[in-house]
N, C-alpha and C. Protein backbone atom coordinates (compact mmCIF):
# COMPACT_ATOMS: atom_id res chain seq x y z
N MET A 1 0.84 -1.17 0.00
CA MET A 1 0.00 0.00 0.00
C MET A 1 0.89 1.24 0.00
N ILE A 2 0.67 2.07 -0.97
CA ILE A 2 1.45 3.28 -1.09
C ILE A 2 0.63 4.44 -0.53
N HIS A 3 1.27 5.23 0.31
CA HIS A 3 0.60 6.39 0.90
C HIS A 3 1.08 7.65 0.19
N THR A 4 0.14 8.41 -0.30
CA THR A 4 0.49 9.71 -0.86
C THR A 4 0.23 10.75 0.21
N PRO A 5 1.26 11.49 0.58
CA PRO A 5 1.07 12.46 1.65
C PRO A 5 0.13 13.57 1.21
N HIS A 6 -0.55 14.14 2.20
CA HIS A 6 -1.41 15.28 1.91
C HIS A 6 -0.55 16.44 1.45
N PRO A 7 -1.02 17.23 0.47
CA PRO A 7 -0.21 18.36 0.03
C PRO A 7 -0.08 19.38 1.16
N VAL A 8 1.09 19.95 1.27
CA VAL A 8 1.33 20.97 2.29
C VAL A 8 1.03 22.32 1.67
N ARG A 9 0.20 23.08 2.36
CA ARG A 9 -0.16 24.40 1.87
C ARG A 9 0.68 25.44 2.59
N ASP A 10 1.19 26.41 1.84
CA ASP A 10 2.01 27.45 2.44
C ASP A 10 1.21 28.43 3.29
N ASP A 11 -0.07 28.58 2.98
CA ASP A 11 -0.88 29.57 3.68
C ASP A 11 -1.49 29.04 4.99
N VAL A 12 -1.27 27.78 5.33
CA VAL A 12 -1.83 27.20 6.54
C VAL A 12 -0.68 26.77 7.45
N PRO A 13 -0.66 27.27 8.69
CA PRO A 13 0.41 26.85 9.61
C PRO A 13 0.37 25.33 9.83
N MET A 14 1.53 24.71 9.93
CA MET A 14 1.61 23.25 10.10
C MET A 14 0.87 22.77 11.34
N ALA A 15 0.76 23.59 12.37
CA ALA A 15 0.09 23.17 13.60
C ALA A 15 -1.40 22.94 13.37
N THR A 16 -1.99 23.55 12.34
CA THR A 16 -3.44 23.40 12.11
C THR A 16 -3.77 22.26 11.17
N ILE A 17 -2.79 21.69 10.50
CA ILE A 17 -3.04 20.57 9.60
C ILE A 17 -3.05 19.29 10.43
N LYS A 18 -4.19 18.63 10.46
CA LYS A 18 -4.35 17.41 11.26
C LYS A 18 -4.15 16.21 10.35
N ARG A 19 -3.48 15.22 10.86
CA ARG A 19 -3.23 14.00 10.11
C ARG A 19 -3.68 12.79 10.94
N THR A 20 -3.89 11.70 10.24
CA THR A 20 -4.22 10.46 10.93
C THR A 20 -2.95 9.90 11.57
N GLU A 21 -3.13 9.02 12.56
CA GLU A 21 -1.98 8.44 13.25
C GLU A 21 -1.10 7.64 12.30
N GLN A 22 -1.73 6.91 11.41
CA GLN A 22 -1.02 6.11 10.41
C GLN A 22 -1.50 6.54 9.03
N PRO A 23 -0.70 6.36 8.00
CA PRO A 23 -1.12 6.74 6.65
C PRO A 23 -2.37 5.97 6.20
N VAL A 24 -3.25 6.68 5.53
CA VAL A 24 -4.48 6.08 5.00
C VAL A 24 -4.18 5.54 3.61
N PRO A 25 -4.55 4.29 3.31
CA PRO A 25 -4.33 3.79 1.94
C PRO A 25 -5.08 4.66 0.93
N ALA A 26 -4.45 4.89 -0.21
CA ALA A 26 -5.05 5.76 -1.23
C ALA A 26 -6.41 5.23 -1.69
N TRP A 27 -6.55 3.91 -1.77
CA TRP A 27 -7.83 3.36 -2.24
C TRP A 27 -8.95 3.63 -1.23
N ALA A 28 -8.63 3.61 0.07
CA ALA A 28 -9.64 3.89 1.09
C ALA A 28 -10.05 5.36 1.03
N GLU A 29 -9.08 6.22 0.80
CA GLU A 29 -9.35 7.65 0.64
C GLU A 29 -10.29 7.88 -0.54
N ARG A 30 -10.02 7.21 -1.65
CA ARG A 30 -10.89 7.35 -2.83
C ARG A 30 -12.30 6.83 -2.56
N LEU A 31 -12.40 5.68 -1.90
CA LEU A 31 -13.72 5.14 -1.57
C LEU A 31 -14.52 6.10 -0.70
N ALA A 32 -13.86 6.71 0.27
CA ALA A 32 -14.55 7.63 1.16
C ALA A 32 -15.10 8.83 0.39
N HIS A 33 -14.36 9.27 -0.59
CA HIS A 33 -14.82 10.40 -1.40
C HIS A 33 -15.90 9.99 -2.40
N LEU A 34 -15.92 8.72 -2.78
CA LEU A 34 -16.95 8.22 -3.70
C LEU A 34 -18.28 7.95 -3.03
N MET A 35 -18.28 7.69 -1.73
CA MET A 35 -19.51 7.34 -1.02
C MET A 35 -20.67 8.31 -1.30
N PRO A 36 -20.50 9.62 -1.12
CA PRO A 36 -21.63 10.52 -1.38
C PRO A 36 -22.06 10.51 -2.85
N LEU A 37 -21.11 10.35 -3.75
CA LEU A 37 -21.43 10.34 -5.18
C LEU A 37 -22.19 9.08 -5.59
N VAL A 38 -21.84 7.96 -4.98
CA VAL A 38 -22.51 6.70 -5.28
C VAL A 38 -23.95 6.71 -4.74
N GLY A 39 -24.16 7.38 -3.61
CA GLY A 39 -25.50 7.43 -3.03
C GLY A 39 -26.39 8.51 -3.63
N LEU A 40 -25.81 9.50 -4.29
CA LEU A 40 -26.59 10.63 -4.80
C LEU A 40 -27.67 10.23 -5.81
N PRO A 41 -27.40 9.34 -6.78
CA PRO A 41 -28.46 9.00 -7.74
C PRO A 41 -29.73 8.45 -7.09
N VAL A 42 -29.60 7.58 -6.09
CA VAL A 42 -30.80 7.02 -5.46
C VAL A 42 -31.51 8.09 -4.63
N CYS A 43 -30.75 9.02 -4.06
CA CYS A 43 -31.38 10.11 -3.31
C CYS A 43 -32.20 10.99 -4.25
N LEU A 44 -31.65 11.27 -5.41
CA LEU A 44 -32.38 12.07 -6.40
C LEU A 44 -33.57 11.29 -6.98
N TRP A 45 -33.42 9.98 -7.11
CA TRP A 45 -34.49 9.11 -7.62
C TRP A 45 -35.69 9.14 -6.66
N ARG A 46 -35.42 9.18 -5.36
CA ARG A 46 -36.48 9.15 -4.35
C ARG A 46 -37.33 10.42 -4.33
N LEU A 47 -36.71 11.56 -4.59
CA LEU A 47 -37.40 12.83 -4.41
C LEU A 47 -38.71 12.95 -5.19
N PRO A 48 -38.76 12.62 -6.50
CA PRO A 48 -40.05 12.70 -7.19
C PRO A 48 -41.10 11.75 -6.59
N ILE A 49 -40.66 10.61 -6.08
CA ILE A 49 -41.60 9.68 -5.45
C ILE A 49 -42.25 10.34 -4.23
N GLY A 50 -41.47 11.14 -3.52
CA GLY A 50 -42.01 11.86 -2.37
C GLY A 50 -43.09 12.86 -2.74
N PHE A 51 -43.06 13.31 -3.99
CA PHE A 51 -44.07 14.26 -4.47
C PHE A 51 -45.16 13.59 -5.29
N GLY A 52 -45.20 12.24 -5.26
CA GLY A 52 -46.29 11.51 -5.89
C GLY A 52 -46.04 11.02 -7.30
N PHE A 53 -44.87 11.31 -7.90
CA PHE A 53 -44.57 10.81 -9.23
C PHE A 53 -44.08 9.37 -9.11
N GLN A 54 -44.64 8.47 -9.90
CA GLN A 54 -44.38 7.04 -9.75
C GLN A 54 -43.02 6.57 -10.28
N MET A 55 -42.32 7.38 -11.05
CA MET A 55 -41.02 6.99 -11.63
C MET A 55 -41.13 5.68 -12.41
N GLY A 56 -42.21 5.53 -13.14
CA GLY A 56 -42.39 4.37 -13.99
C GLY A 56 -42.88 3.13 -13.29
N MET A 57 -43.07 3.19 -11.98
CA MET A 57 -43.54 2.02 -11.24
C MET A 57 -45.02 1.81 -11.52
N ASN A 58 -45.36 0.59 -11.81
CA ASN A 58 -46.73 0.23 -12.15
C ASN A 58 -47.33 -0.53 -10.98
N SER A 59 -47.54 0.17 -9.89
CA SER A 59 -47.99 -0.47 -8.66
C SER A 59 -49.44 -0.12 -8.37
N ASN A 60 -50.19 -1.09 -7.89
CA ASN A 60 -51.58 -0.86 -7.52
C ASN A 60 -51.71 -0.32 -6.10
N ASP A 61 -50.60 -0.34 -5.36
CA ASP A 61 -50.64 0.18 -3.99
C ASP A 61 -50.87 1.68 -4.02
N PRO A 62 -51.75 2.17 -3.17
CA PRO A 62 -51.97 3.61 -3.15
C PRO A 62 -50.73 4.34 -2.63
N GLN A 63 -50.35 5.41 -3.31
CA GLN A 63 -49.21 6.21 -2.89
C GLN A 63 -49.64 7.16 -1.78
N PRO A 64 -48.91 7.23 -0.70
CA PRO A 64 -49.24 8.21 0.33
C PRO A 64 -49.07 9.62 -0.26
N ASP A 65 -50.04 10.47 -0.04
CA ASP A 65 -49.95 11.81 -0.60
C ASP A 65 -49.92 12.87 0.49
N SER A 66 -49.47 12.50 1.66
CA SER A 66 -49.43 13.46 2.76
C SER A 66 -48.11 14.22 2.75
N LEU A 67 -48.11 15.32 3.44
CA LEU A 67 -46.91 16.12 3.60
C LEU A 67 -45.83 15.33 4.35
N TRP A 68 -46.27 14.48 5.29
CA TRP A 68 -45.31 13.69 6.07
C TRP A 68 -44.52 12.73 5.19
N PHE A 69 -45.16 12.17 4.17
CA PHE A 69 -44.45 11.26 3.28
C PHE A 69 -43.37 12.03 2.50
N THR A 70 -43.71 13.22 2.05
CA THR A 70 -42.73 14.06 1.34
C THR A 70 -41.57 14.40 2.26
N VAL A 71 -41.87 14.77 3.49
CA VAL A 71 -40.82 15.10 4.46
C VAL A 71 -39.97 13.85 4.75
N TYR A 72 -40.62 12.70 4.88
CA TYR A 72 -39.90 11.44 5.13
C TYR A 72 -38.92 11.14 4.01
N VAL A 73 -39.37 11.25 2.76
CA VAL A 73 -38.50 10.94 1.61
C VAL A 73 -37.34 11.92 1.54
N PHE A 74 -37.63 13.19 1.76
CA PHE A 74 -36.57 14.20 1.74
C PHE A 74 -35.56 13.94 2.87
N ALA A 75 -36.06 13.66 4.08
CA ALA A 75 -35.18 13.39 5.22
C ALA A 75 -34.35 12.13 4.99
N LEU A 76 -34.94 11.11 4.38
CA LEU A 76 -34.20 9.88 4.08
C LEU A 76 -33.04 10.17 3.14
N SER A 77 -33.28 11.00 2.15
CA SER A 77 -32.21 11.36 1.21
C SER A 77 -31.12 12.16 1.90
N VAL A 78 -31.50 13.12 2.74
CA VAL A 78 -30.51 13.92 3.46
C VAL A 78 -29.71 13.04 4.42
N LEU A 79 -30.39 12.15 5.15
CA LEU A 79 -29.69 11.26 6.08
C LEU A 79 -28.76 10.29 5.35
N SER A 80 -29.16 9.84 4.17
CA SER A 80 -28.29 8.96 3.38
C SER A 80 -26.99 9.66 3.03
N GLU A 81 -27.10 10.90 2.57
CA GLU A 81 -25.90 11.65 2.22
C GLU A 81 -25.08 12.00 3.47
N ALA A 82 -25.74 12.27 4.58
CA ALA A 82 -25.02 12.55 5.83
C ALA A 82 -24.22 11.31 6.27
N PHE A 83 -24.83 10.13 6.14
CA PHE A 83 -24.12 8.89 6.46
C PHE A 83 -22.90 8.73 5.56
N ALA A 84 -23.08 9.01 4.27
CA ALA A 84 -21.96 8.90 3.32
C ALA A 84 -20.83 9.85 3.71
N LEU A 85 -21.18 11.07 4.09
CA LEU A 85 -20.15 12.02 4.51
C LEU A 85 -19.50 11.62 5.83
N ALA A 86 -20.27 11.00 6.72
CA ALA A 86 -19.71 10.54 7.99
C ALA A 86 -18.67 9.45 7.78
N CYS A 87 -18.77 8.73 6.68
CA CYS A 87 -17.78 7.69 6.38
C CYS A 87 -16.40 8.28 6.13
N LEU A 88 -16.33 9.59 5.89
CA LEU A 88 -15.02 10.23 5.78
C LEU A 88 -14.24 10.09 7.09
N GLY A 89 -14.96 9.91 8.21
CA GLY A 89 -14.29 9.71 9.49
C GLY A 89 -13.43 8.47 9.52
N LEU A 90 -13.67 7.54 8.61
CA LEU A 90 -12.84 6.33 8.54
C LEU A 90 -11.47 6.62 7.93
N VAL A 91 -11.31 7.78 7.32
CA VAL A 91 -10.03 8.12 6.70
C VAL A 91 -9.49 9.48 7.15
N ARG A 92 -10.14 10.11 8.11
CA ARG A 92 -9.74 11.43 8.58
C ARG A 92 -9.35 11.39 10.07
N TRP A 93 -8.64 12.41 10.49
CA TRP A 93 -8.18 12.48 11.88
C TRP A 93 -9.35 12.51 12.86
N TRP A 94 -10.48 13.10 12.46
CA TRP A 94 -11.60 13.21 13.40
C TRP A 94 -12.32 11.88 13.59
N GLY A 95 -11.88 10.84 12.89
CA GLY A 95 -12.35 9.49 13.16
C GLY A 95 -11.45 8.78 14.17
N GLU A 96 -10.37 9.48 14.59
CA GLU A 96 -9.42 8.92 15.55
C GLU A 96 -9.34 9.73 16.83
N THR A 97 -9.60 11.03 16.73
CA THR A 97 -9.51 11.93 17.87
C THR A 97 -10.73 12.83 17.87
N VAL A 98 -11.34 13.01 19.02
CA VAL A 98 -12.50 13.91 19.13
C VAL A 98 -12.02 15.34 18.89
N PRO A 99 -12.69 16.09 18.01
CA PRO A 99 -12.28 17.48 17.76
C PRO A 99 -12.28 18.31 19.06
N GLN A 100 -11.37 19.26 19.13
CA GLN A 100 -11.19 20.08 20.34
C GLN A 100 -12.45 20.83 20.75
N TRP A 101 -13.28 21.20 19.81
CA TRP A 101 -14.46 22.02 20.12
C TRP A 101 -15.58 21.23 20.82
N VAL A 102 -15.48 19.91 20.87
CA VAL A 102 -16.52 19.10 21.50
C VAL A 102 -16.36 19.20 23.02
N PRO A 103 -17.42 19.64 23.73
CA PRO A 103 -17.31 19.78 25.19
C PRO A 103 -17.02 18.44 25.88
N PHE A 104 -16.20 18.48 26.90
CA PHE A 104 -15.87 17.36 27.79
C PHE A 104 -15.06 16.24 27.15
N ALA A 105 -15.09 16.11 25.82
CA ALA A 105 -14.37 15.00 25.18
C ALA A 105 -13.33 15.49 24.18
N GLY A 106 -13.31 16.77 23.91
CA GLY A 106 -12.41 17.32 22.90
C GLY A 106 -10.95 16.94 23.12
N GLY A 107 -10.32 16.47 22.07
CA GLY A 107 -8.91 16.10 22.12
C GLY A 107 -8.64 14.67 22.55
N ARG A 108 -9.64 13.95 23.00
CA ARG A 108 -9.43 12.57 23.45
C ARG A 108 -9.38 11.62 22.26
N ARG A 109 -8.60 10.58 22.42
CA ARG A 109 -8.49 9.55 21.39
C ARG A 109 -9.75 8.69 21.39
N ILE A 110 -10.28 8.42 20.21
CA ILE A 110 -11.47 7.58 20.09
C ILE A 110 -11.03 6.12 20.09
N PRO A 111 -11.56 5.30 20.99
CA PRO A 111 -11.21 3.88 20.96
C PRO A 111 -11.61 3.28 19.60
N PRO A 112 -10.71 2.55 18.96
CA PRO A 112 -10.99 2.04 17.61
C PRO A 112 -12.30 1.25 17.52
N MET A 113 -12.61 0.45 18.52
CA MET A 113 -13.83 -0.37 18.44
C MET A 113 -15.11 0.46 18.46
N LEU A 114 -15.02 1.68 18.98
CA LEU A 114 -16.18 2.57 18.99
C LEU A 114 -16.54 3.01 17.57
N VAL A 115 -15.60 2.90 16.67
CA VAL A 115 -15.84 3.22 15.26
C VAL A 115 -16.03 1.94 14.45
N ILE A 116 -15.22 0.94 14.72
CA ILE A 116 -15.21 -0.29 13.93
C ILE A 116 -16.53 -1.06 14.05
N VAL A 117 -17.06 -1.20 15.25
CA VAL A 117 -18.28 -1.99 15.45
C VAL A 117 -19.47 -1.39 14.70
N PRO A 118 -19.81 -0.09 14.91
CA PRO A 118 -20.96 0.44 14.17
C PRO A 118 -20.75 0.46 12.66
N ALA A 119 -19.52 0.73 12.22
CA ALA A 119 -19.26 0.74 10.78
C ALA A 119 -19.42 -0.66 10.19
N THR A 120 -18.98 -1.67 10.90
CA THR A 120 -19.13 -3.05 10.43
C THR A 120 -20.60 -3.44 10.38
N VAL A 121 -21.35 -3.10 11.42
CA VAL A 121 -22.78 -3.42 11.44
C VAL A 121 -23.49 -2.73 10.27
N ALA A 122 -23.19 -1.45 10.06
CA ALA A 122 -23.81 -0.72 8.94
C ALA A 122 -23.43 -1.34 7.61
N GLY A 123 -22.16 -1.70 7.44
CA GLY A 123 -21.72 -2.33 6.21
C GLY A 123 -22.43 -3.65 5.96
N LEU A 124 -22.58 -4.45 7.02
CA LEU A 124 -23.27 -5.74 6.87
C LEU A 124 -24.75 -5.56 6.56
N LEU A 125 -25.38 -4.54 7.15
CA LEU A 125 -26.78 -4.25 6.81
C LEU A 125 -26.93 -3.88 5.34
N PHE A 126 -26.01 -3.07 4.85
CA PHE A 126 -26.06 -2.70 3.43
C PHE A 126 -25.77 -3.89 2.53
N VAL A 127 -24.90 -4.81 2.96
CA VAL A 127 -24.67 -6.03 2.18
C VAL A 127 -25.95 -6.86 2.15
N GLY A 128 -26.67 -6.91 3.27
CA GLY A 128 -27.97 -7.61 3.30
C GLY A 128 -28.94 -7.01 2.30
N LEU A 129 -28.98 -5.68 2.20
CA LEU A 129 -29.82 -5.03 1.19
C LEU A 129 -29.37 -5.39 -0.22
N LEU A 130 -28.05 -5.48 -0.40
CA LEU A 130 -27.51 -5.85 -1.71
C LEU A 130 -27.97 -7.24 -2.11
N VAL A 131 -27.88 -8.18 -1.18
CA VAL A 131 -28.30 -9.55 -1.47
C VAL A 131 -29.80 -9.59 -1.80
N GLU A 132 -30.61 -8.91 -1.00
CA GLU A 132 -32.05 -8.87 -1.24
C GLU A 132 -32.36 -8.25 -2.59
N ASP A 133 -31.66 -7.18 -2.95
CA ASP A 133 -31.89 -6.52 -4.24
C ASP A 133 -31.50 -7.44 -5.40
N LEU A 134 -30.38 -8.12 -5.27
CA LEU A 134 -29.96 -9.04 -6.33
C LEU A 134 -30.98 -10.17 -6.52
N LEU A 135 -31.48 -10.70 -5.41
CA LEU A 135 -32.50 -11.75 -5.50
C LEU A 135 -33.77 -11.21 -6.17
N SER A 136 -34.12 -9.97 -5.88
CA SER A 136 -35.32 -9.37 -6.48
C SER A 136 -35.13 -9.06 -7.96
N VAL A 137 -34.01 -8.48 -8.31
CA VAL A 137 -33.76 -8.10 -9.71
C VAL A 137 -33.77 -9.33 -10.60
N PHE A 138 -33.15 -10.41 -10.13
CA PHE A 138 -33.08 -11.63 -10.94
C PHE A 138 -34.21 -12.61 -10.61
N GLU A 139 -35.14 -12.18 -9.75
CA GLU A 139 -36.32 -12.97 -9.38
C GLU A 139 -35.95 -14.40 -8.96
N ILE A 140 -35.07 -14.46 -7.98
CA ILE A 140 -34.58 -15.73 -7.45
C ILE A 140 -35.29 -16.03 -6.14
N GLY A 141 -35.70 -17.24 -5.93
CA GLY A 141 -36.27 -17.68 -4.65
C GLY A 141 -37.56 -16.98 -4.27
N GLY A 142 -38.36 -16.62 -5.25
CA GLY A 142 -39.65 -15.98 -4.97
C GLY A 142 -39.58 -14.48 -4.74
N PHE A 143 -38.40 -13.90 -4.81
CA PHE A 143 -38.27 -12.45 -4.67
C PHE A 143 -38.66 -11.81 -6.00
N ALA A 144 -39.25 -10.63 -5.93
CA ALA A 144 -39.62 -9.90 -7.14
C ALA A 144 -39.62 -8.41 -6.84
N THR A 145 -39.48 -7.62 -7.89
CA THR A 145 -39.53 -6.17 -7.73
C THR A 145 -40.89 -5.66 -8.18
N VAL A 146 -41.09 -4.41 -7.99
CA VAL A 146 -42.31 -3.75 -8.45
C VAL A 146 -42.30 -3.75 -9.99
N PRO A 147 -43.44 -3.99 -10.63
CA PRO A 147 -43.45 -3.91 -12.10
C PRO A 147 -43.30 -2.46 -12.57
N TYR A 148 -42.69 -2.29 -13.72
CA TYR A 148 -42.48 -0.96 -14.29
C TYR A 148 -43.23 -0.84 -15.61
N ASP A 149 -43.50 0.41 -16.01
CA ASP A 149 -44.22 0.68 -17.25
C ASP A 149 -43.49 0.13 -18.47
N ASN A 150 -42.16 0.21 -18.44
CA ASN A 150 -41.37 -0.34 -19.54
C ASN A 150 -39.98 -0.72 -19.04
N GLY A 151 -39.22 -1.33 -19.92
CA GLY A 151 -37.89 -1.81 -19.55
C GLY A 151 -36.91 -0.70 -19.21
N TRP A 152 -37.11 0.48 -19.80
CA TRP A 152 -36.19 1.59 -19.53
C TRP A 152 -36.32 2.08 -18.10
N TRP A 153 -37.54 2.19 -17.59
CA TRP A 153 -37.73 2.58 -16.19
C TRP A 153 -37.11 1.54 -15.26
N ARG A 154 -37.31 0.27 -15.59
CA ARG A 154 -36.75 -0.80 -14.75
C ARG A 154 -35.23 -0.75 -14.77
N LEU A 155 -34.64 -0.56 -15.96
CA LEU A 155 -33.18 -0.46 -16.07
C LEU A 155 -32.66 0.71 -15.25
N LEU A 156 -33.32 1.86 -15.37
CA LEU A 156 -32.89 3.04 -14.62
C LEU A 156 -32.98 2.77 -13.11
N ALA A 157 -34.08 2.17 -12.68
CA ALA A 157 -34.25 1.86 -11.25
C ALA A 157 -33.17 0.90 -10.76
N ASN A 158 -32.85 -0.11 -11.56
CA ASN A 158 -31.84 -1.09 -11.16
C ASN A 158 -30.44 -0.48 -11.11
N VAL A 159 -30.13 0.40 -12.06
CA VAL A 159 -28.81 1.04 -12.06
C VAL A 159 -28.67 1.97 -10.86
N VAL A 160 -29.70 2.78 -10.63
CA VAL A 160 -29.65 3.75 -9.53
C VAL A 160 -29.56 3.03 -8.19
N SER A 161 -30.41 2.03 -7.97
CA SER A 161 -30.36 1.33 -6.69
C SER A 161 -29.14 0.43 -6.61
N GLY A 162 -28.67 -0.08 -7.73
CA GLY A 162 -27.47 -0.90 -7.73
C GLY A 162 -26.24 -0.12 -7.29
N LEU A 163 -26.15 1.13 -7.74
CA LEU A 163 -25.03 1.97 -7.30
C LEU A 163 -25.08 2.17 -5.78
N PHE A 164 -26.27 2.46 -5.28
CA PHE A 164 -26.45 2.68 -3.84
C PHE A 164 -26.06 1.44 -3.05
N LEU A 165 -26.32 0.28 -3.60
CA LEU A 165 -26.05 -0.96 -2.87
C LEU A 165 -24.57 -1.31 -2.82
N LEU A 166 -23.74 -0.55 -3.53
CA LEU A 166 -22.30 -0.73 -3.40
C LEU A 166 -21.79 -0.21 -2.05
N TRP A 167 -22.65 0.53 -1.35
CA TRP A 167 -22.24 1.07 -0.06
C TRP A 167 -21.79 -0.01 0.90
N GLY A 168 -22.45 -1.14 0.96
CA GLY A 168 -22.08 -2.20 1.90
C GLY A 168 -20.63 -2.63 1.74
N PRO A 169 -20.25 -3.11 0.55
CA PRO A 169 -18.85 -3.50 0.37
C PRO A 169 -17.87 -2.34 0.56
N MET A 170 -18.28 -1.13 0.16
CA MET A 170 -17.40 0.04 0.32
C MET A 170 -17.15 0.34 1.80
N VAL A 171 -18.21 0.34 2.60
CA VAL A 171 -18.06 0.62 4.03
C VAL A 171 -17.23 -0.47 4.70
N LEU A 172 -17.47 -1.72 4.34
CA LEU A 172 -16.69 -2.82 4.95
C LEU A 172 -15.22 -2.72 4.56
N ALA A 173 -14.92 -2.36 3.33
CA ALA A 173 -13.52 -2.22 2.91
C ALA A 173 -12.84 -1.07 3.66
N MET A 174 -13.54 0.06 3.79
CA MET A 174 -12.95 1.19 4.52
C MET A 174 -12.80 0.87 6.01
N THR A 175 -13.74 0.11 6.56
CA THR A 175 -13.65 -0.28 7.97
C THR A 175 -12.46 -1.21 8.18
N TRP A 176 -12.24 -2.12 7.24
CA TRP A 176 -11.08 -3.02 7.33
C TRP A 176 -9.79 -2.21 7.31
N ALA A 177 -9.71 -1.20 6.42
CA ALA A 177 -8.51 -0.36 6.35
C ALA A 177 -8.33 0.42 7.66
N TYR A 178 -9.44 0.91 8.22
CA TYR A 178 -9.39 1.64 9.49
C TYR A 178 -8.89 0.71 10.60
N TYR A 179 -9.42 -0.51 10.63
CA TYR A 179 -9.00 -1.50 11.62
C TYR A 179 -7.50 -1.79 11.49
N ARG A 180 -7.04 -2.04 10.29
CA ARG A 180 -5.62 -2.34 10.07
C ARG A 180 -4.74 -1.17 10.51
N ARG A 181 -5.20 0.04 10.21
CA ARG A 181 -4.42 1.23 10.52
C ARG A 181 -4.41 1.51 12.02
N ARG A 182 -5.56 1.36 12.68
CA ARG A 182 -5.67 1.73 14.09
C ARG A 182 -5.26 0.60 15.04
N CYS A 183 -5.47 -0.65 14.66
CA CYS A 183 -5.22 -1.76 15.58
C CYS A 183 -3.94 -2.54 15.30
N HIS A 184 -3.33 -2.33 14.15
CA HIS A 184 -2.13 -3.10 13.83
C HIS A 184 -0.94 -2.23 13.46
N GLY A 185 -1.08 -0.92 13.57
CA GLY A 185 0.02 -0.03 13.24
C GLY A 185 0.97 0.12 14.41
N PRO A 186 2.10 0.81 14.23
CA PRO A 186 3.06 0.99 15.30
C PRO A 186 2.48 1.76 16.50
N VAL A 187 1.57 2.72 16.26
CA VAL A 187 0.99 3.47 17.35
C VAL A 187 0.09 2.57 18.19
N ALA A 188 -0.67 1.68 17.54
CA ALA A 188 -1.57 0.77 18.27
C ALA A 188 -0.77 -0.18 19.17
N ALA A 189 0.41 -0.57 18.74
CA ALA A 189 1.21 -1.52 19.51
C ALA A 189 1.73 -0.89 20.81
N THR A 190 1.84 0.43 20.86
CA THR A 190 2.38 1.09 22.05
C THR A 190 1.30 1.42 23.07
N GLN A 191 0.04 1.16 22.77
CA GLN A 191 -1.03 1.56 23.70
C GLN A 191 -1.67 0.37 24.39
């Protein structure tokens, strides 16, 4: 694993540039930056559904048309992107040390398992969604998806949700890199 150092900026004092305890693998850094982009298409796909547009779904189920459903869909999209951005903590210093501005805990080292356990659980939940989606898309074992008006709507839905379902393997890979960096590096051995 090759580590590319963060670029040093002349206009920022070295004391303000925070680094991780151990170098972050370049691939984990890239995955962390891809997380919000991979989730964005499904977030955008959901928004018209929140306003009652079927997005090509040919379902007999009545669509909720309340304001709460619209708020729910919007909040789900915002929370999805917030989760994706929080995954940056797996490759940033603030995933290892509590920021100074946090009352009572600022500056303290975060125990690695406090990050690894929830990230692993979240990654496994997303992998479960991936498996369920694959079974539905290929109609295996009695699983099926909602019917669509035509094949183009179905293809678009599968591509958009398929991208989102990459989150499980991505989170697990970044969590593994975080674990290796925090629990098996030279700093971890001294604590």
